[in-house]
Amino acid sequence: MHRLQPHTLIGLFTLLTLVLAGAAVGRIIGLTAGEGAYLTALLLAFMGWIAGRKRTGKHR
């Protein structure tokens, strides 16, 4: 069985924490918790996409 490495678990914990923090901030600004979590996950995915493009050199 393949075990998760400690850095993988730390990364997953960080992502979960960021999404939950986004849900809390969303509630503060008047969104539902689900909308806040969704927007945070969307923003994190976009930032990952940008970082991946820069890392592989596929930008103009």
PDB file of N, CA and C in Angstrom:
ATOM      1  N   MET A   1       0.842  -1.185   0.000  1.00  0.00           N
ATOM      2  CA  MET A   1       0.000   0.000   0.000  1.00  0.00           C
ATOM      3  C   MET A   1       0.884   1.245   0.000  1.00  0.00           C
ATOM      4  N   HIS A   2       0.500   2.203  -0.781  1.00  0.00           N
ATOM      5  CA  HIS A   2       1.273   3.438  -0.915  1.00  0.00           C
ATOM      6  C   HIS A   2       0.906   4.397   0.227  1.00  0.00           C
ATOM      7  N   ARG A   3       1.931   4.856   0.933  1.00  0.00           N
ATOM      8  CA  ARG A   3       1.692   5.784   2.038  1.00  0.00           C
ATOM      9  C   ARG A   3       1.892   7.207   1.566  1.00  0.00           C
ATOM     10  N   LEU A   4       1.120   8.111   2.128  1.00  0.00           N
ATOM     11  CA  LEU A   4       1.269   9.524   1.802  1.00  0.00           C
ATOM     12  C   LEU A   4       2.508  10.081   2.497  1.00  0.00           C
ATOM     13  N   GLN A   5       3.227  10.895   1.785  1.00  0.00           N
ATOM     14  CA  GLN A   5       4.401  11.542   2.347  1.00  0.00           C
ATOM     15  C   GLN A   5       3.966  12.703   3.244  1.00  0.00           C
ATOM     16  N   PRO A   6       4.784  13.067   4.229  1.00  0.00           N
ATOM     17  CA  PRO A   6       4.406  14.165   5.132  1.00  0.00           C
ATOM     18  C   PRO A   6       4.136  15.484   4.402  1.00  0.00           C
ATOM     19  N   HIS A   7       4.919  15.796   3.360  1.00  0.00           N
ATOM     20  CA  HIS A   7       4.695  17.055   2.662  1.00  0.00           C
ATOM     21  C   HIS A   7       3.366  17.048   1.906  1.00  0.00           C
ATOM     22  N   THR A   8       2.913  15.873   1.471  1.00  0.00           N
ATOM     23  CA  THR A   8       1.612  15.771   0.813  1.00  0.00           C
ATOM     24  C   THR A   8       0.496  16.050   1.814  1.00  0.00           C
ATOM     25  N   LEU A   9       0.618  15.480   3.004  1.00  0.00           N
ATOM     26  CA  LEU A   9      -0.398  15.705   4.028  1.00  0.00           C
ATOM     27  C   LEU A   9      -0.434  17.164   4.467  1.00  0.00           C
ATOM     28  N   ILE A  10       0.728  17.794   4.570  1.00  0.00           N
ATOM     29  CA  ILE A  10       0.776  19.210   4.938  1.00  0.00           C
ATOM     30  C   ILE A  10       0.120  20.057   3.856  1.00  0.00           C
ATOM     31  N   GLY A  11       0.373  19.719   2.593  1.00  0.00           N
ATOM     32  CA  GLY A  11      -0.246  20.444   1.485  1.00  0.00           C
ATOM     33  C   GLY A  11      -1.758  20.297   1.475  1.00  0.00           C
ATOM     34  N   LEU A  12      -2.251  19.080   1.709  1.00  0.00           N
ATOM     35  CA  LEU A  12      -3.699  18.863   1.760  1.00  0.00           C
ATOM     36  C   LEU A  12      -4.337  19.615   2.926  1.00  0.00           C
ATOM     37  N   PHE A  13      -3.660  19.606   4.068  1.00  0.00           N
ATOM     38  CA  PHE A  13      -4.147  20.346   5.226  1.00  0.00           C
ATOM     39  C   PHE A  13      -4.201  21.843   4.918  1.00  0.00           C
ATOM     40  N   THR A  14      -3.178  22.351   4.234  1.00  0.00           N
ATOM     41  CA  THR A  14      -3.137  23.765   3.874  1.00  0.00           C
ATOM     42  C   THR A  14      -4.276  24.118   2.929  1.00  0.00           C
ATOM     43  N   LEU A  15      -4.509  23.287   1.916  1.00  0.00           N
ATOM     44  CA  LEU A  15      -5.604  23.560   0.978  1.00  0.00           C
ATOM     45  C   LEU A  15      -6.960  23.547   1.680  1.00  0.00           C
ATOM     46  N   LEU A  16      -7.165  22.566   2.545  1.00  0.00           N
ATOM     47  CA  LEU A  16      -8.425  22.498   3.290  1.00  0.00           C
ATOM     48  C   LEU A  16      -8.602  23.719   4.176  1.00  0.00           C
ATOM     49  N   THR A  17      -7.528  24.133   4.839  1.00  0.00           N
ATOM     50  CA  THR A  17      -7.589  25.321   5.699  1.00  0.00           C
ATOM     51  C   THR A  17      -7.914  26.568   4.896  1.00  0.00           C
ATOM     52  N   LEU A  18      -7.289  26.715   3.719  1.00  0.00           N
ATOM     53  CA  LEU A  18      -7.566  27.880   2.884  1.00  0.00           C
ATOM     54  C   LEU A  18      -9.015  27.910   2.402  1.00  0.00           C
ATOM     55  N   VAL A  19      -9.537  26.755   2.020  1.00  0.00           N
ATOM     56  CA  VAL A  19     -10.933  26.707   1.554  1.00  0.00           C
ATOM     57  C   VAL A  19     -11.892  27.038   2.699  1.00  0.00           C
ATOM     58  N   LEU A  20     -11.622  26.514   3.886  1.00  0.00           N
ATOM     59  CA  LEU A  20     -12.484  26.827   5.028  1.00  0.00           C
ATOM     60  C   LEU A  20     -12.367  28.290   5.445  1.00  0.00           C
ATOM     61  N   ALA A  21     -11.166  28.848   5.355  1.00  0.00           N
ATOM     62  CA  ALA A  21     -10.994  30.269   5.649  1.00  0.00           C
ATOM     63  C   ALA A  21     -11.737  31.109   4.608  1.00  0.00           C
ATOM     64  N   GLY A  22     -11.708  30.683   3.361  1.00  0.00           N
ATOM     65  CA  GLY A  22     -12.461  31.385   2.323  1.00  0.00           C
ATOM     66  C   GLY A  22     -13.959  31.335   2.573  1.00  0.00           C
ATOM     67  N   ALA A  23     -14.436  30.216   3.082  1.00  0.00           N
ATOM     68  CA  ALA A  23     -15.858  30.114   3.435  1.00  0.00           C
ATOM     69  C   ALA A  23     -16.203  31.081   4.558  1.00  0.00           C
ATOM     70  N   ALA A  24     -15.317  31.194   5.545  1.00  0.00           N
ATOM     71  CA  ALA A  24     -15.560  32.114   6.656  1.00  0.00           C
ATOM     72  C   ALA A  24     -15.539  33.563   6.186  1.00  0.00           C
ATOM     73  N   VAL A  25     -14.573  33.905   5.345  1.00  0.00           N
ATOM     74  CA  VAL A  25     -14.513  35.278   4.812  1.00  0.00           C
ATOM     75  C   VAL A  25     -15.733  35.554   3.939  1.00  0.00           C
ATOM     76  N   GLY A  26     -16.155  34.547   3.185  1.00  0.00           N
ATOM     77  CA  GLY A  26     -17.369  34.702   2.382  1.00  0.00           C
ATOM     78  C   GLY A  26     -18.584  35.004   3.241  1.00  0.00           C
ATOM     79  N   ARG A  27     -18.693  34.344   4.389  1.00  0.00           N
ATOM     80  CA  ARG A  27     -19.810  34.618   5.300  1.00  0.00           C
ATOM     81  C   ARG A  27     -19.740  36.041   5.832  1.00  0.00           C
ATOM     82  N   ILE A  28     -18.517  36.519   6.091  1.00  0.00           N
ATOM     83  CA  ILE A  28     -18.359  37.878   6.616  1.00  0.00           C
ATOM     84  C   ILE A  28     -18.814  38.915   5.596  1.00  0.00           C
ATOM     85  N   ILE A  29     -18.520  38.665   4.307  1.00  0.00           N
ATOM     86  CA  ILE A  29     -18.885  39.663   3.281  1.00  0.00           C
ATOM     87  C   ILE A  29     -20.282  39.435   2.703  1.00  0.00           C
ATOM     88  N   GLY A  30     -21.014  38.470   3.256  1.00  0.00           N
ATOM     89  CA  GLY A  30     -22.414  38.316   2.876  1.00  0.00           C
ATOM     90  C   GLY A  30     -22.723  37.180   1.921  1.00  0.00           C
ATOM     91  N   LEU A  31     -21.767  36.332   1.613  1.00  0.00           N
ATOM     92  CA  LEU A  31     -22.019  35.171   0.772  1.00  0.00           C
ATOM     93  C   LEU A  31     -22.370  33.977   1.659  1.00  0.00           C
ATOM     94  N   THR A  32     -22.851  32.916   1.048  1.00  0.00           N
ATOM     95  CA  THR A  32     -23.032  31.694   1.819  1.00  0.00           C
ATOM     96  C   THR A  32     -21.668  31.028   1.984  1.00  0.00           C
ATOM     97  N   ALA A  33     -21.584  30.103   2.918  1.00  0.00           N
ATOM     98  CA  ALA A  33     -20.318  29.412   3.145  1.00  0.00           C
ATOM     99  C   ALA A  33     -19.903  28.623   1.900  1.00  0.00           C
ATOM    100  N   GLY A  34     -20.860  28.030   1.226  1.00  0.00           N
ATOM    101  CA  GLY A  34     -20.570  27.269   0.013  1.00  0.00           C
ATOM    102  C   GLY A  34     -20.025  28.148  -1.101  1.00  0.00           C
ATOM    103  N   GLU A  35     -20.608  29.325  -1.260  1.00  0.00           N
ATOM    104  CA  GLU A  35     -20.126  30.247  -2.285  1.00  0.00           C
ATOM    105  C   GLU A  35     -18.712  30.717  -1.981  1.00  0.00           C
ATOM    106  N   GLY A  36     -18.445  31.009  -0.722  1.00  0.00           N
ATOM    107  CA  GLY A  36     -17.106  31.432  -0.327  1.00  0.00           C
ATOM    108  C   GLY A  36     -16.079  30.340  -0.551  1.00  0.00           C
ATOM    109  N   ALA A  37     -16.437  29.107  -0.203  1.00  0.00           N
ATOM    110  CA  ALA A  37     -15.524  27.981  -0.404  1.00  0.00           C
ATOM    111  C   ALA A  37     -15.300  27.734  -1.893  1.00  0.00           C
ATOM    112  N   TYR A  38     -16.369  27.834  -2.679  1.00  0.00           N
ATOM    113  CA  TYR A  38     -16.247  27.627  -4.125  1.00  0.00           C
ATOM    114  C   TYR A  38     -15.355  28.689  -4.762  1.00  0.00           C
ATOM    115  N   LEU A  39     -15.555  29.933  -4.404  1.00  0.00           N
ATOM    116  CA  LEU A  39     -14.733  31.002  -4.969  1.00  0.00           C
ATOM    117  C   LEU A  39     -13.273  30.863  -4.551  1.00  0.00           C
ATOM    118  N   THR A  40     -13.035  30.431  -3.328  1.00  0.00           N
ATOM    119  CA  THR A  40     -11.663  30.209  -2.879  1.00  0.00           C
ATOM    120  C   THR A  40     -11.019  29.071  -3.651  1.00  0.00           C
ATOM    121  N   ALA A  41     -11.738  27.971  -3.829  1.00  0.00           N
ATOM    122  CA  ALA A  41     -11.199  26.835  -4.584  1.00  0.00           C
ATOM    123  C   ALA A  41     -10.938  27.245  -6.037  1.00  0.00           C
ATOM    124  N   LEU A  42     -11.824  28.043  -6.606  1.00  0.00           N
ATOM    125  CA  LEU A  42     -11.638  28.523  -7.974  1.00  0.00           C
ATOM    126  C   LEU A  42     -10.401  29.415  -8.062  1.00  0.00           C
ATOM    127  N   LEU A  43     -10.226  30.294  -7.098  1.00  0.00           N
ATOM    128  CA  LEU A  43      -9.059  31.174  -7.078  1.00  0.00           C
ATOM    129  C   LEU A  43      -7.764  30.366  -6.915  1.00  0.00           C
ATOM    130  N   LEU A  44      -7.764  29.360  -6.046  1.00  0.00           N
ATOM    131  CA  LEU A  44      -6.580  28.520  -5.866  1.00  0.00           C
ATOM    132  C   LEU A  44      -6.258  27.735  -7.133  1.00  0.00           C
ATOM    133  N   ALA A  45      -7.284  27.237  -7.817  1.00  0.00           N
ATOM    134  CA  ALA A  45      -7.062  26.511  -9.071  1.00  0.00           C
ATOM    135  C   ALA A  45      -6.483  27.441 -10.131  1.00  0.00           C
ATOM    136  N   PHE A  46      -6.986  28.669 -10.207  1.00  0.00           N
ATOM    137  CA  PHE A  46      -6.469  29.644 -11.170  1.00  0.00           C
ATOM    138  C   PHE A  46      -5.018  29.990 -10.863  1.00  0.00           C
ATOM    139  N   MET A  47      -4.707  30.185  -9.584  1.00  0.00           N
ATOM    140  CA  MET A  47      -3.324  30.484  -9.206  1.00  0.00           C
ATOM    141  C   MET A  47      -2.401  29.303  -9.530  1.00  0.00           C
ATOM    142  N   GLY A  48      -2.872  28.092  -9.332  1.00  0.00           N
ATOM    143  CA  GLY A  48      -2.089  26.910  -9.695  1.00  0.00           C
ATOM    144  C   GLY A  48      -1.876  26.800 -11.186  1.00  0.00           C
ATOM    145  N   TRP A  49      -2.895  27.145 -11.953  1.00  0.00           N
ATOM    146  CA  TRP A  49      -2.779  27.119 -13.411  1.00  0.00           C
ATOM    147  C   TRP A  49      -1.741  28.137 -13.885  1.00  0.00           C
ATOM    148  N   ILE A  50      -1.786  29.341 -13.328  1.00  0.00           N
ATOM    149  CA  ILE A  50      -0.813  30.382 -13.682  1.00  0.00           C
ATOM    150  C   ILE A  50       0.602  29.930 -13.296  1.00  0.00           C
ATOM    151  N   ALA A  51       0.761  29.394 -12.096  1.00  0.00           N
ATOM    152  CA  ALA A  51       2.076  28.938 -11.647  1.00  0.00           C
ATOM    153  C   ALA A  51       2.593  27.810 -12.537  1.00  0.00           C
ATOM    154  N   GLY A  52       1.714  26.912 -12.951  1.00  0.00           N
ATOM    155  CA  GLY A  52       2.118  25.822 -13.838  1.00  0.00           C
ATOM    156  C   GLY A  52       2.562  26.316 -15.199  1.00  0.00           C
ATOM    157  N   ARG A  53       1.869  27.324 -15.717  1.00  0.00           N
ATOM    158  CA  ARG A  53       2.266  27.888 -17.011  1.00  0.00           C
ATOM    159  C   ARG A  53       3.627  28.568 -16.915  1.00  0.00           C
ATOM    160  N   LYS A  54       3.848  29.275 -15.829  1.00  0.00           N
ATOM    161  CA  LYS A  54       5.151  29.946 -15.657  1.00  0.00           C
ATOM    162  C   LYS A  54       6.264  28.925 -15.471  1.00  0.00           C
ATOM    163  N   ARG A  55       5.959  27.863 -14.762  1.00  0.00           N
ATOM    164  CA  ARG A  55       6.986  26.851 -14.472  1.00  0.00           C
ATOM    165  C   ARG A  55       7.402  26.092 -15.724  1.00  0.00           C
ATOM    166  N   THR A  56       6.459  25.795 -16.601  1.00  0.00           N
ATOM    167  CA  THR A  56       6.776  25.045 -17.812  1.00  0.00           C
ATOM    168  C   THR A  56       7.201  25.935 -18.962  1.00  0.00           C
ATOM    169  N   GLY A  57       7.084  27.252 -18.796  1.00  0.00           N
ATOM    170  CA  GLY A  57       7.511  28.173 -19.842  1.00  0.00           C
ATOM    171  C   GLY A  57       6.520  28.301 -20.985  1.00  0.00           C
ATOM    172  N   LYS A  58       5.249  27.978 -20.747  1.00  0.00           N
ATOM    173  CA  LYS A  58       4.232  28.060 -21.804  1.00  0.00           C
ATOM    174  C   LYS A  58       3.462  29.366 -21.751  1.00  0.00           C
ATOM    175  N   HIS A  59       4.166  30.442 -21.552  1.00  0.00           N
ATOM    176  CA  HIS A  59       3.525  31.757 -21.561  1.00  0.00           C
ATOM    177  C   HIS A  59       4.198  32.599 -22.611  1.00  0.00           C
ATOM    178  N   ARG A  60       3.512  33.606 -23.055  1.00  0.00           N
ATOM    179  CA  ARG A  60       4.053  34.458 -24.118  1.00  0.00           C
ATOM    180  C   ARG A  60       4.899  35.558 -23.575  1.00  0.00           C
TER     181      ARG A  60
END
